Amino acid sequence: MRMADPQSYLADITALLRAHWPQNRTVNIVCHGHSVPAGYFATPLVDTFNAYPHLLHVALKHRFPFAVINVIVTAIGGENSESGAKRFERDVLNIRPDVITIDYGLNDRGIGLARAKTAWTAMIQAGKAAGAKMLLLTPTLDTVPADLPAHAEQIRQLAAEHEIGLADSYRACLEHCATGDITDILSWSNHPNRTGHDLVTRELLRWFPAA
């Protein structure tokens, strides 16, 4: 098994995004996760308009100018995937999302790989059963990299196992830092700055081809 194809996985969604009134409808994209999609920069600062959910919204509107798009953030700072899974139906599925992004890799180091896999699997299965398309995100970087590679790899494996989408934030951050320093993309020890959020946004945009 392998993860979905970025050129075709969201073909039904991108067709809706290209449609003109009255053939179009509102497309709901839900960003679920911890403090990074919630917009935390240098805690306690929440910089919503420089965080990737908002940047994705702006970029999609430029790419699909006739679309009606809601990007809804259900992320909570400090949360891990077990807590996110417990409220997934209430806070995410009740919105009737077309696309769901999941981003818990940084905080899941506190619960370990096995428990994280169980929680992610539950959310993936519930989202797919509700008819939503799923985009998993590997973690962004922080100044304590222990266990991040293992969690990133597990998230890649989950995307392949369930044949869904993957935004490989971890790889994108590593590639960016290969010619610079980790502080170039961080606003806090474990939160990306605008440059880091731009990297995540570009990974997500790959799944929304214009044509």
Protein backbone atom coordinates (compact mmCIF):
# COMPACT_ATOMS: atom_id res chain seq x y z
CA MET A 1 0.00 0.00 0.00
CA ARG A 2 1.04 3.58 -0.56
CA MET A 3 -0.32 6.98 0.21
CA ALA A 4 -2.74 8.71 -2.12
CA ASP A 5 -1.65 10.58 -5.25
CA PRO A 6 -1.49 14.37 -4.69
CA GLN A 7 -2.68 14.96 -8.26
CA SER A 8 -5.89 12.97 -7.89
CA TYR A 9 -6.78 12.34 -4.23
CA LEU A 10 -8.78 15.56 -3.87
CA ALA A 11 -10.05 15.63 -7.46
CA ASP A 12 -13.69 15.84 -6.36
CA ILE A 13 -12.86 18.66 -3.94
CA THR A 14 -10.79 20.66 -6.42
CA ALA A 15 -13.58 20.28 -8.99
CA LEU A 16 -15.91 21.91 -6.48
CA LEU A 17 -13.35 24.62 -5.81
CA ARG A 18 -13.14 25.41 -9.53
CA ALA A 19 -16.92 25.49 -10.01
CA HIS A 20 -18.74 28.80 -10.49
CA TRP A 21 -22.02 29.83 -8.89
CA PRO A 22 -24.60 28.31 -8.98
CA GLN A 23 -22.82 24.96 -9.48
CA ASN A 24 -20.49 25.46 -6.50
CA ARG A 25 -21.06 24.94 -2.78
CA THR A 26 -19.19 25.69 0.43
CA VAL A 27 -16.16 23.47 1.03
CA ASN A 28 -15.24 22.87 4.68
CA ILE A 29 -11.63 22.15 5.60
CA VAL A 30 -11.01 21.33 9.27
CA CYS A 31 -7.53 21.64 10.81
CA HIS A 32 -7.37 19.40 13.90
CA GLY A 33 -4.44 19.11 16.23
CA HIS A 34 -2.35 20.83 18.88
CA SER A 35 -0.76 24.25 19.36
CA VAL A 36 0.81 24.58 15.90
CA PRO A 37 -2.45 24.62 13.89
CA ALA A 38 -4.05 26.53 16.79
CA GLY A 39 -1.65 29.36 15.92
CA TYR A 40 0.59 29.53 18.97
CA PHE A 41 3.89 31.26 18.26
CA ALA A 42 5.90 32.49 21.28
CA THR A 43 3.52 31.24 23.96
CA PRO A 44 1.11 32.71 24.99
CA LEU A 45 0.96 34.69 21.71
CA VAL A 46 -1.55 33.27 19.22
CA ASP A 47 -0.78 34.62 15.74
CA THR A 48 -3.76 33.24 13.85
CA PHE A 49 -3.14 35.03 10.58
CA ASN A 50 0.43 33.76 10.24
CA ALA A 51 -0.41 30.14 11.06
CA TYR A 52 -0.83 27.54 8.33
CA PRO A 53 -4.64 27.12 8.50
CA HIS A 54 -5.12 30.79 7.63
CA LEU A 55 -2.25 30.76 5.12
CA LEU A 56 -3.82 27.73 3.44
CA HIS A 57 -7.16 29.53 3.29
CA VAL A 58 -5.61 32.59 1.64
CA ALA A 59 -3.60 30.49 -0.82
CA LEU A 60 -6.63 28.42 -1.81
CA LYS A 61 -8.67 31.56 -2.42
CA HIS A 62 -5.95 32.85 -4.75
CA ARG A 63 -5.85 29.51 -6.54
CA PHE A 64 -9.64 29.08 -6.69
CA PRO A 65 -11.13 32.61 -6.83
CA PHE A 66 -14.72 31.46 -7.38
CA ALA A 67 -14.76 29.05 -4.42
CA VAL A 68 -16.56 29.41 -1.11
CA ILE A 69 -14.17 27.94 1.46
CA ASN A 70 -14.33 27.60 5.23
CA VAL A 71 -11.08 26.68 6.99
CA ILE A 72 -12.09 25.77 10.52
CA VAL A 73 -9.53 25.27 13.30
CA THR A 74 -10.44 22.73 15.98
CA ALA A 75 -6.92 22.53 17.41
CA ILE A 76 -6.14 22.95 21.12
CA GLY A 77 -2.75 23.95 22.50
CA GLY A 78 -1.06 21.28 24.58
CA GLU A 79 -3.31 18.46 23.37
CA ASN A 80 -2.20 15.03 22.18
CA SER A 81 -3.95 12.74 19.73
CA GLU A 82 -5.73 10.71 22.41
CA SER A 83 -7.55 13.83 23.59
CA GLY A 84 -8.14 14.85 20.00
CA ALA A 85 -9.66 11.48 19.17
CA LYS A 86 -12.06 11.70 22.12
CA ARG A 87 -13.60 14.91 20.81
CA PHE A 88 -13.25 14.10 17.11
CA GLU A 89 -16.91 13.34 16.42
CA ARG A 90 -18.22 16.28 18.43
CA ASP A 91 -15.79 18.94 17.27
CA VAL A 92 -14.78 17.77 13.79
CA LEU A 93 -17.30 15.44 12.20
CA ASN A 94 -20.28 17.53 13.29
CA ILE A 95 -18.99 20.27 10.98
CA ARG A 96 -19.46 17.90 8.02
CA PRO A 97 -15.91 18.46 6.72
CA ASP A 98 -14.84 17.77 3.17
CA VAL A 99 -11.16 17.66 4.16
CA ILE A 100 -9.59 17.03 7.58
CA THR A 101 -5.97 17.70 8.47
CA ILE A 102 -4.47 16.04 11.57
CA ASP A 103 -1.35 17.41 13.28
CA TYR A 104 -0.36 15.93 16.65
CA GLY A 105 3.19 14.64 16.09
CA LEU A 106 4.99 17.06 18.40
CA ASN A 107 2.85 16.39 21.45
CA ASP A 108 2.42 12.66 20.87
CA ARG A 109 5.94 12.08 22.08
CA GLY A 110 4.41 12.28 25.54
CA ILE A 111 2.18 9.24 24.95
CA GLY A 112 4.46 7.14 22.76
CA LEU A 113 4.13 5.53 19.35
CA ALA A 114 1.68 2.75 20.19
CA ARG A 115 -0.92 4.95 21.88
CA ALA A 116 -0.52 7.61 19.19
CA LYS A 117 -1.07 5.05 16.44
CA THR A 118 -4.29 3.88 18.08
CA ALA A 119 -5.62 7.43 18.37
CA TRP A 120 -4.62 8.46 14.85
CA THR A 121 -6.13 5.27 13.43
CA ALA A 122 -9.43 5.94 15.19
CA MET A 123 -9.63 9.45 13.75
CA ILE A 124 -8.64 8.31 10.26
CA GLN A 125 -11.25 5.57 10.22
CA ALA A 126 -13.97 7.85 11.57
CA GLY A 127 -13.14 10.59 9.08
CA LYS A 128 -13.12 8.23 6.12
CA ALA A 129 -16.40 6.65 7.26
CA ALA A 130 -17.95 10.13 7.30
CA GLY A 131 -16.83 10.68 3.70
CA ALA A 132 -14.05 13.18 4.43
CA LYS A 133 -10.66 13.23 2.75
CA MET A 134 -7.77 13.00 5.22
CA LEU A 135 -4.42 14.80 5.14
CA LEU A 136 -1.96 13.76 7.84
CA LEU A 137 0.87 16.07 8.87
CA THR A 138 4.24 14.98 10.15
CA PRO A 139 5.56 17.22 12.95
CA THR A 140 7.37 20.48 12.52
CA LEU A 141 10.74 20.77 14.25
CA ASP A 142 11.59 21.80 17.78
CA THR A 143 14.77 22.24 19.78
CA VAL A 144 14.44 18.81 21.42
CA PRO A 145 14.33 16.42 18.44
CA ALA A 146 14.11 13.18 20.45
CA ASP A 147 11.54 10.75 18.99
CA LEU A 148 10.42 13.14 16.24
CA PRO A 149 11.84 10.97 13.42
CA ALA A 150 9.98 7.92 14.74
CA HIS A 151 6.68 9.77 14.99
CA ALA A 152 7.16 11.28 11.54
CA GLU A 153 7.79 7.85 10.08
CA GLN A 154 4.74 6.36 11.81
CA ILE A 155 2.55 9.11 10.36
CA ARG A 156 3.93 8.38 6.88
CA GLN A 157 3.14 4.70 7.38
CA LEU A 158 -0.42 5.52 8.49
CA ALA A 159 -0.96 7.61 5.35
CA ALA A 160 0.23 4.71 3.22
CA GLU A 161 -1.75 2.09 5.14
CA HIS A 162 -5.00 4.03 4.76
CA GLU A 163 -4.16 5.35 1.27
CA ILE A 164 -4.75 8.96 2.27
CA GLY A 165 -2.80 12.20 1.97
CA LEU A 166 0.40 13.30 3.70
CA ALA A 167 1.91 16.74 4.22
CA ASP A 168 5.47 15.96 5.26
CA SER A 169 6.22 19.02 7.36
CA TYR A 170 9.12 17.27 9.07
CA ARG A 171 10.92 16.58 5.80
CA ALA A 172 10.24 20.11 4.53
CA CYS A 173 11.66 21.63 7.70
CA LEU A 174 14.77 19.44 7.60
CA GLU A 175 15.40 20.35 3.97
CA HIS A 176 15.03 24.04 4.75
CA CYS A 177 17.43 23.81 7.69
CA ALA A 178 20.04 21.94 5.66
CA THR A 179 21.33 25.32 4.49
CA GLY A 180 20.49 27.30 7.61
CA ASP A 181 19.67 26.97 11.28
CA ILE A 182 16.61 25.63 13.09
CA THR A 183 16.07 29.04 14.64
CA ASP A 184 15.30 30.34 11.15
CA ILE A 185 11.94 28.55 11.28
CA LEU A 186 11.04 28.73 14.99
CA SER A 187 9.28 31.42 17.02
CA TRP A 188 9.55 29.37 20.23
CA SER A 189 11.28 26.18 21.30
CA ASN A 190 8.55 24.04 19.76
CA HIS A 191 6.47 26.40 17.59
CA PRO A 192 7.24 27.43 14.01
CA ASN A 193 7.42 31.05 12.97
CA ARG A 194 5.90 32.43 9.76
CA THR A 195 8.65 30.79 7.69
CA GLY A 196 7.92 27.43 9.29
CA HIS A 197 4.20 27.81 8.71
CA ASP A 198 4.88 28.72 5.08
CA LEU A 199 6.71 25.40 4.68
CA VAL A 200 3.71 23.50 6.05
CA THR A 201 1.34 25.45 3.83
CA ARG A 202 3.31 24.53 0.71
CA GLU A 203 3.15 20.87 1.67
CA LEU A 204 -0.63 21.09 2.03
CA LEU A 205 -1.11 23.02 -1.21
CA ARG A 206 0.41 20.13 -3.17
CA TRP A 207 -2.89 18.30 -2.56
CA PHE A 208 -4.98 21.04 -4.20
CA PRO A 209 -3.68 21.25 -7.80
CA ALA A 210 -5.18 24.08 -9.81
CA ALA A 211 -5.91 21.87 -12.81
